[in-house]
Amino acid sequence: MIKEKISDIIKERIRISDETQDNWDYGIEQCWKKYVDILSADIEKSIDFFLHDCTDEEFYWLSEAFEEIADKAQSKNLISTWRSRLATVTSENYCRENFISKEMRQHVDYTEYVRSIEQEINYAEEKIGE
């Protein structure tokens, strides 16, 4: 269930980004809100999604909302899951030619991918209370 919902939202997010060339578009904000609501509603299902169903491209786009998801979910397990999921992406299996997004195909190489997601995870971790 999460997979289908997230997949549809990601496709919409990519469409908006590719059409507007604007990553601060109102429609993108709405996509982020949907990510947050879905992924913070049931942490165990979200963890399962990230570990088993989330594509590399989905993971990249979802990472832009990690801070908000972490703030709402307050789950250290989710942070740990994101780190584990990122570790599965290696330079050998990273294939940006398979991405839907023009932006990712053209501008997000393996190094940028890892750096960006790692940074988002670090920011998200700061949102988890003790």
Protein backbone atom coordinates (compact mmCIF):
# COMPACT_ATOMS: atom_id res chain seq x y z
CA MET A 1 0.00 0.00 0.00
CA ILE A 2 2.77 2.46 0.91
CA LYS A 3 4.70 1.51 -2.25
CA GLU A 4 1.87 2.46 -4.60
CA LYS A 5 1.07 5.73 -2.81
CA ILE A 6 4.70 6.83 -2.62
CA SER A 7 5.37 5.81 -6.21
CA ASP A 8 2.49 7.96 -7.44
CA ILE A 9 3.61 10.95 -5.36
CA ILE A 10 7.21 10.61 -6.57
CA LYS A 11 6.04 10.55 -10.19
CA GLU A 12 4.08 13.75 -9.56
CA ARG A 13 7.06 15.33 -7.80
CA ILE A 14 9.35 14.48 -10.72
CA ARG A 15 6.82 15.77 -13.25
CA ILE A 16 6.57 19.09 -11.45
CA SER A 17 10.33 19.42 -11.11
CA ASP A 18 11.01 18.53 -14.73
CA GLU A 19 8.31 20.87 -16.04
CA THR A 20 8.97 23.88 -13.83
CA GLN A 21 12.71 23.52 -13.20
CA ASP A 22 11.81 24.84 -9.74
CA ASN A 23 12.40 22.73 -6.65
CA TRP A 24 10.44 25.17 -4.48
CA ASP A 25 7.20 24.97 -6.42
CA TYR A 26 3.94 24.82 -4.40
CA GLY A 27 3.12 21.43 -5.93
CA ILE A 28 6.40 20.02 -4.65
CA GLU A 29 5.59 21.27 -1.16
CA GLN A 30 2.34 19.36 -1.38
CA CYS A 31 4.23 16.21 -2.37
CA TRP A 32 6.49 16.63 0.67
CA LYS A 33 3.44 16.92 2.96
CA LYS A 34 2.06 13.69 1.52
CA TYR A 35 5.41 11.90 2.05
CA VAL A 36 5.48 13.04 5.65
CA ASP A 37 1.92 11.97 6.39
CA ILE A 38 2.29 8.53 4.81
CA LEU A 39 5.75 7.69 6.14
CA SER A 40 5.20 8.91 9.69
CA ALA A 41 1.81 7.21 10.12
CA ASP A 42 3.09 3.65 10.58
CA ILE A 43 6.82 3.42 11.29
CA GLU A 44 7.07 -0.36 10.96
CA LYS A 45 5.43 -0.32 7.52
CA SER A 46 7.64 2.60 6.50
CA ILE A 47 10.77 0.77 7.61
CA ASP A 48 9.67 -2.26 5.61
CA PHE A 49 9.07 -0.02 2.58
CA PHE A 50 12.55 1.55 2.79
CA LEU A 51 14.25 -1.81 3.21
CA HIS A 52 12.35 -3.81 0.60
CA ASP A 53 10.33 -1.70 -1.83
CA CYS A 54 11.94 1.73 -2.17
CA THR A 55 13.89 2.30 -5.37
CA ASP A 56 17.10 4.31 -5.38
CA GLU A 57 15.33 7.14 -7.17
CA GLU A 58 12.43 7.17 -4.69
CA PHE A 59 14.90 7.14 -1.82
CA TYR A 60 16.64 10.20 -3.23
CA TRP A 61 13.45 12.22 -3.63
CA LEU A 62 12.06 11.14 -0.26
CA SER A 63 15.27 12.22 1.45
CA GLU A 64 14.34 15.86 0.88
CA ALA A 65 11.58 15.38 3.47
CA PHE A 66 13.58 13.29 5.97
CA GLU A 67 13.78 16.14 8.51
CA GLU A 68 10.02 16.57 8.55
CA ILE A 69 9.40 12.82 8.65
CA ALA A 70 11.86 12.38 11.53
CA ASP A 71 10.40 15.32 13.43
CA LYS A 72 6.90 13.89 13.18
CA ALA A 73 7.79 10.21 13.66
CA GLN A 74 10.47 10.61 16.37
CA SER A 75 11.91 7.20 15.48
CA LYS A 76 15.58 6.33 15.87
CA ASN A 77 14.81 3.06 14.07
CA LEU A 78 13.77 5.01 11.00
CA ILE A 79 17.07 6.93 11.01
CA SER A 80 18.95 3.65 11.32
CA THR A 81 16.92 2.21 8.46
CA TRP A 82 17.78 5.15 6.22
CA ARG A 83 21.47 4.64 6.96
CA SER A 84 21.16 0.92 6.19
CA ARG A 85 19.26 1.65 3.00
CA LEU A 86 21.87 4.14 1.84
CA ALA A 87 24.61 1.56 2.46
CA THR A 88 22.97 -0.74 -0.12
CA VAL A 89 23.62 1.78 -2.88
CA THR A 90 27.13 1.20 -4.18
CA SER A 91 28.99 2.78 -7.06
CA GLU A 92 28.73 -0.56 -8.84
CA ASN A 93 24.92 -0.77 -8.68
CA TYR A 94 24.16 2.95 -9.05
CA CYS A 95 22.68 3.46 -12.52
CA ARG A 96 21.34 6.94 -13.11
CA GLU A 97 20.41 6.09 -16.69
CA ASN A 98 17.46 4.12 -15.27
CA PHE A 99 16.00 7.11 -13.41
CA ILE A 100 12.77 8.74 -14.54
CA SER A 101 13.85 12.25 -13.61
CA LYS A 102 15.78 14.23 -16.20
CA GLU A 103 17.46 16.12 -13.36
CA MET A 104 18.75 12.93 -11.76
CA ARG A 105 19.91 11.42 -15.06
CA GLN A 106 21.85 14.57 -15.93
CA HIS A 107 23.10 15.95 -12.63
CA VAL A 108 23.11 13.39 -9.82
CA ASP A 109 26.11 11.12 -10.00
CA TYR A 110 26.88 8.51 -7.36
CA THR A 111 28.98 10.83 -5.19
CA GLU A 112 26.32 13.55 -5.21
CA TYR A 113 23.60 10.99 -4.48
CA VAL A 114 25.34 9.63 -1.38
CA ARG A 115 26.43 13.07 -0.14
CA SER A 116 22.96 14.52 -0.49
CA ILE A 117 21.12 11.67 1.22
CA GLU A 118 23.73 11.37 3.96
CA GLN A 119 23.35 15.08 4.69
CA GLU A 120 19.54 14.77 4.84
CA ILE A 121 19.81 11.82 7.23
CA ASN A 122 22.17 13.80 9.48
CA TYR A 123 19.77 16.76 9.55
CA ALA A 124 16.87 14.41 10.26
CA GLU A 125 18.73 12.77 13.12
CA GLU A 126 18.96 16.15 14.84
CA LYS A 127 15.14 16.25 14.94
CA ILE A 128 14.92 13.15 17.12
CA GLY A 129 14.41 14.02 20.78
CA GLU A 130 16.16 12.19 23.56
